[in-house]
Amino acid sequence: REGKTCAFIDAEHALDPIYAKKLGVNIDELLVSQPDTGEQALEICDALARSGAVDVIV
């Protein structure tokens, strides 16, 4: 809504894009990662945070 870049780390592979869209999430602009392990999730989160390329990480 504010034009910020958001990354969603879907560690449980449970993202429901239809429901998210109903909640107001811009699915077309959402960066989604579905890591296979918790370690991968943390590595992705760390890399995104350090890069400064995203405004919000969920």
N, C-alpha and C. Protein backbone atom coordinates (compact mmCIF):
# COMPACT_ATOMS: atom_id res chain seq x y z
N ARG A 1 0.81 -1.20 0.00
CA ARG A 1 0.00 0.00 0.00
C ARG A 1 0.85 1.26 0.00
N GLU A 2 1.99 1.17 0.59
CA GLU A 2 2.85 2.34 0.69
C GLU A 2 3.92 2.36 -0.38
N GLY A 3 3.88 1.42 -1.32
CA GLY A 3 4.86 1.37 -2.38
C GLY A 3 6.20 0.81 -1.96
N LYS A 4 6.24 0.13 -0.84
CA LYS A 4 7.49 -0.44 -0.35
C LYS A 4 7.66 -1.85 -0.88
N THR A 5 8.90 -2.30 -0.94
CA THR A 5 9.20 -3.65 -1.40
C THR A 5 9.17 -4.60 -0.22
N CYS A 6 8.38 -5.67 -0.36
CA CYS A 6 8.22 -6.64 0.72
C CYS A 6 8.64 -8.03 0.25
N ALA A 7 9.39 -8.72 1.10
CA ALA A 7 9.77 -10.11 0.84
C ALA A 7 9.08 -10.99 1.88
N PHE A 8 8.53 -12.09 1.43
CA PHE A 8 7.85 -13.04 2.30
C PHE A 8 8.60 -14.36 2.26
N ILE A 9 9.12 -14.78 3.40
CA ILE A 9 9.82 -16.06 3.48
C ILE A 9 8.82 -17.09 3.97
N ASP A 10 8.36 -17.91 3.06
CA ASP A 10 7.31 -18.90 3.32
C ASP A 10 7.95 -20.23 3.69
N ALA A 11 8.41 -20.31 4.92
CA ALA A 11 9.13 -21.50 5.38
C ALA A 11 8.24 -22.74 5.42
N GLU A 12 6.93 -22.55 5.54
CA GLU A 12 6.01 -23.69 5.62
C GLU A 12 5.33 -23.98 4.28
N HIS A 13 5.70 -23.25 3.24
CA HIS A 13 5.12 -23.42 1.91
C HIS A 13 3.59 -23.37 2.00
N ALA A 14 3.08 -22.39 2.72
CA ALA A 14 1.65 -22.30 2.99
C ALA A 14 1.01 -21.02 2.46
N LEU A 15 1.71 -20.25 1.66
CA LEU A 15 1.15 -19.00 1.16
C LEU A 15 -0.08 -19.28 0.29
N ASP A 16 -1.17 -18.62 0.62
CA ASP A 16 -2.39 -18.70 -0.17
C ASP A 16 -2.55 -17.36 -0.88
N PRO A 17 -2.14 -17.27 -2.14
CA PRO A 17 -2.15 -15.98 -2.83
C PRO A 17 -3.55 -15.37 -2.96
N ILE A 18 -4.56 -16.19 -3.08
CA ILE A 18 -5.93 -15.67 -3.20
C ILE A 18 -6.33 -14.98 -1.90
N TYR A 19 -6.07 -15.63 -0.77
CA TYR A 19 -6.39 -15.04 0.53
C TYR A 19 -5.54 -13.79 0.78
N ALA A 20 -4.27 -13.86 0.45
CA ALA A 20 -3.39 -12.71 0.65
C ALA A 20 -3.88 -11.52 -0.17
N LYS A 21 -4.33 -11.77 -1.39
CA LYS A 21 -4.84 -10.69 -2.23
C LYS A 21 -6.09 -10.07 -1.62
N LYS A 22 -6.95 -10.91 -1.02
CA LYS A 22 -8.15 -10.40 -0.35
C LYS A 22 -7.79 -9.51 0.84
N LEU A 23 -6.64 -9.77 1.45
CA LEU A 23 -6.17 -8.97 2.58
C LEU A 23 -5.50 -7.67 2.12
N GLY A 24 -5.33 -7.51 0.82
CA GLY A 24 -4.75 -6.28 0.29
C GLY A 24 -3.30 -6.40 -0.12
N VAL A 25 -2.75 -7.61 -0.11
CA VAL A 25 -1.36 -7.82 -0.52
C VAL A 25 -1.28 -7.75 -2.05
N ASN A 26 -0.33 -6.99 -2.55
CA ASN A 26 -0.10 -6.93 -3.99
C ASN A 26 0.78 -8.12 -4.37
N ILE A 27 0.15 -9.20 -4.73
CA ILE A 27 0.85 -10.46 -5.02
C ILE A 27 1.84 -10.31 -6.17
N ASP A 28 1.52 -9.45 -7.13
CA ASP A 28 2.39 -9.27 -8.29
C ASP A 28 3.72 -8.63 -7.91
N GLU A 29 3.74 -7.86 -6.84
CA GLU A 29 4.95 -7.17 -6.41
C GLU A 29 5.64 -7.85 -5.22
N LEU A 30 4.97 -8.83 -4.61
CA LEU A 30 5.52 -9.51 -3.43
C LEU A 30 6.65 -10.46 -3.83
N LEU A 31 7.78 -10.35 -3.17
CA LEU A 31 8.90 -11.27 -3.40
C LEU A 31 8.71 -12.46 -2.46
N VAL A 32 8.57 -13.65 -3.03
CA VAL A 32 8.29 -14.84 -2.23
C VAL A 32 9.46 -15.81 -2.34
N SER A 33 9.88 -16.31 -1.18
CA SER A 33 10.90 -17.35 -1.13
C SER A 33 10.33 -18.53 -0.35
N GLN A 34 10.53 -19.73 -0.86
CA GLN A 34 10.05 -20.93 -0.18
C GLN A 34 11.24 -21.86 0.07
N PRO A 35 12.01 -21.55 1.10
CA PRO A 35 13.20 -22.36 1.39
C PRO A 35 12.82 -23.76 1.86
N ASP A 36 13.76 -24.69 1.67
CA ASP A 36 13.52 -26.08 2.06
C ASP A 36 13.86 -26.35 3.51
N THR A 37 14.72 -25.52 4.11
CA THR A 37 15.12 -25.74 5.50
C THR A 37 15.10 -24.42 6.27
N GLY A 38 15.08 -24.53 7.58
CA GLY A 38 15.14 -23.35 8.42
C GLY A 38 16.44 -22.59 8.22
N GLU A 39 17.51 -23.32 8.01
CA GLU A 39 18.81 -22.68 7.78
C GLU A 39 18.78 -21.84 6.51
N GLN A 40 18.18 -22.37 5.46
CA GLN A 40 18.05 -21.61 4.21
C GLN A 40 17.21 -20.35 4.45
N ALA A 41 16.15 -20.48 5.23
CA ALA A 41 15.29 -19.33 5.52
C ALA A 41 16.08 -18.22 6.20
N LEU A 42 16.89 -18.59 7.17
CA LEU A 42 17.71 -17.60 7.87
C LEU A 42 18.75 -16.98 6.95
N GLU A 43 19.35 -17.78 6.09
CA GLU A 43 20.34 -17.26 5.15
C GLU A 43 19.70 -16.27 4.17
N ILE A 44 18.51 -16.60 3.70
CA ILE A 44 17.80 -15.71 2.79
C ILE A 44 17.43 -14.41 3.49
N CYS A 45 16.92 -14.53 4.70
CA CYS A 45 16.56 -13.35 5.48
C CYS A 45 17.77 -12.45 5.71
N ASP A 46 18.88 -13.06 6.08
CA ASP A 46 20.11 -12.31 6.33
C ASP A 46 20.57 -11.59 5.06
N ALA A 47 20.55 -12.32 3.94
CA ALA A 47 21.00 -11.73 2.67
C ALA A 47 20.10 -10.57 2.26
N LEU A 48 18.79 -10.73 2.42
CA LEU A 48 17.86 -9.66 2.07
C LEU A 48 18.06 -8.44 2.95
N ALA A 49 18.22 -8.68 4.25
CA ALA A 49 18.40 -7.57 5.19
C ALA A 49 19.68 -6.80 4.90
N ARG A 50 20.75 -7.53 4.63
CA ARG A 50 22.04 -6.88 4.36
C ARG A 50 22.06 -6.15 3.02
N SER A 51 21.27 -6.63 2.07
CA SER A 51 21.29 -6.02 0.73
C SER A 51 20.62 -4.65 0.70
N GLY A 52 19.68 -4.44 1.59
CA GLY A 52 18.94 -3.19 1.58
C GLY A 52 17.96 -3.09 0.42
N ALA A 53 17.76 -4.18 -0.29
CA ALA A 53 16.89 -4.17 -1.47
C ALA A 53 15.41 -4.23 -1.13
N VAL A 54 15.09 -4.62 0.09
CA VAL A 54 13.68 -4.70 0.49
C VAL A 54 13.45 -3.82 1.71
N ASP A 55 12.21 -3.39 1.85
CA ASP A 55 11.86 -2.53 2.98
C ASP A 55 11.30 -3.33 4.15
N VAL A 56 10.64 -4.45 3.83
CA VAL A 56 9.99 -5.27 4.85
C VAL A 56 10.26 -6.74 4.54
N ILE A 57 10.59 -7.52 5.58
CA ILE A 57 10.75 -8.97 5.45
C ILE A 57 9.77 -9.62 6.41
N VAL A 58 8.95 -10.52 5.86
CA VAL A 58 7.97 -11.24 6.69
C VAL A 58 8.33 -12.70 6.66
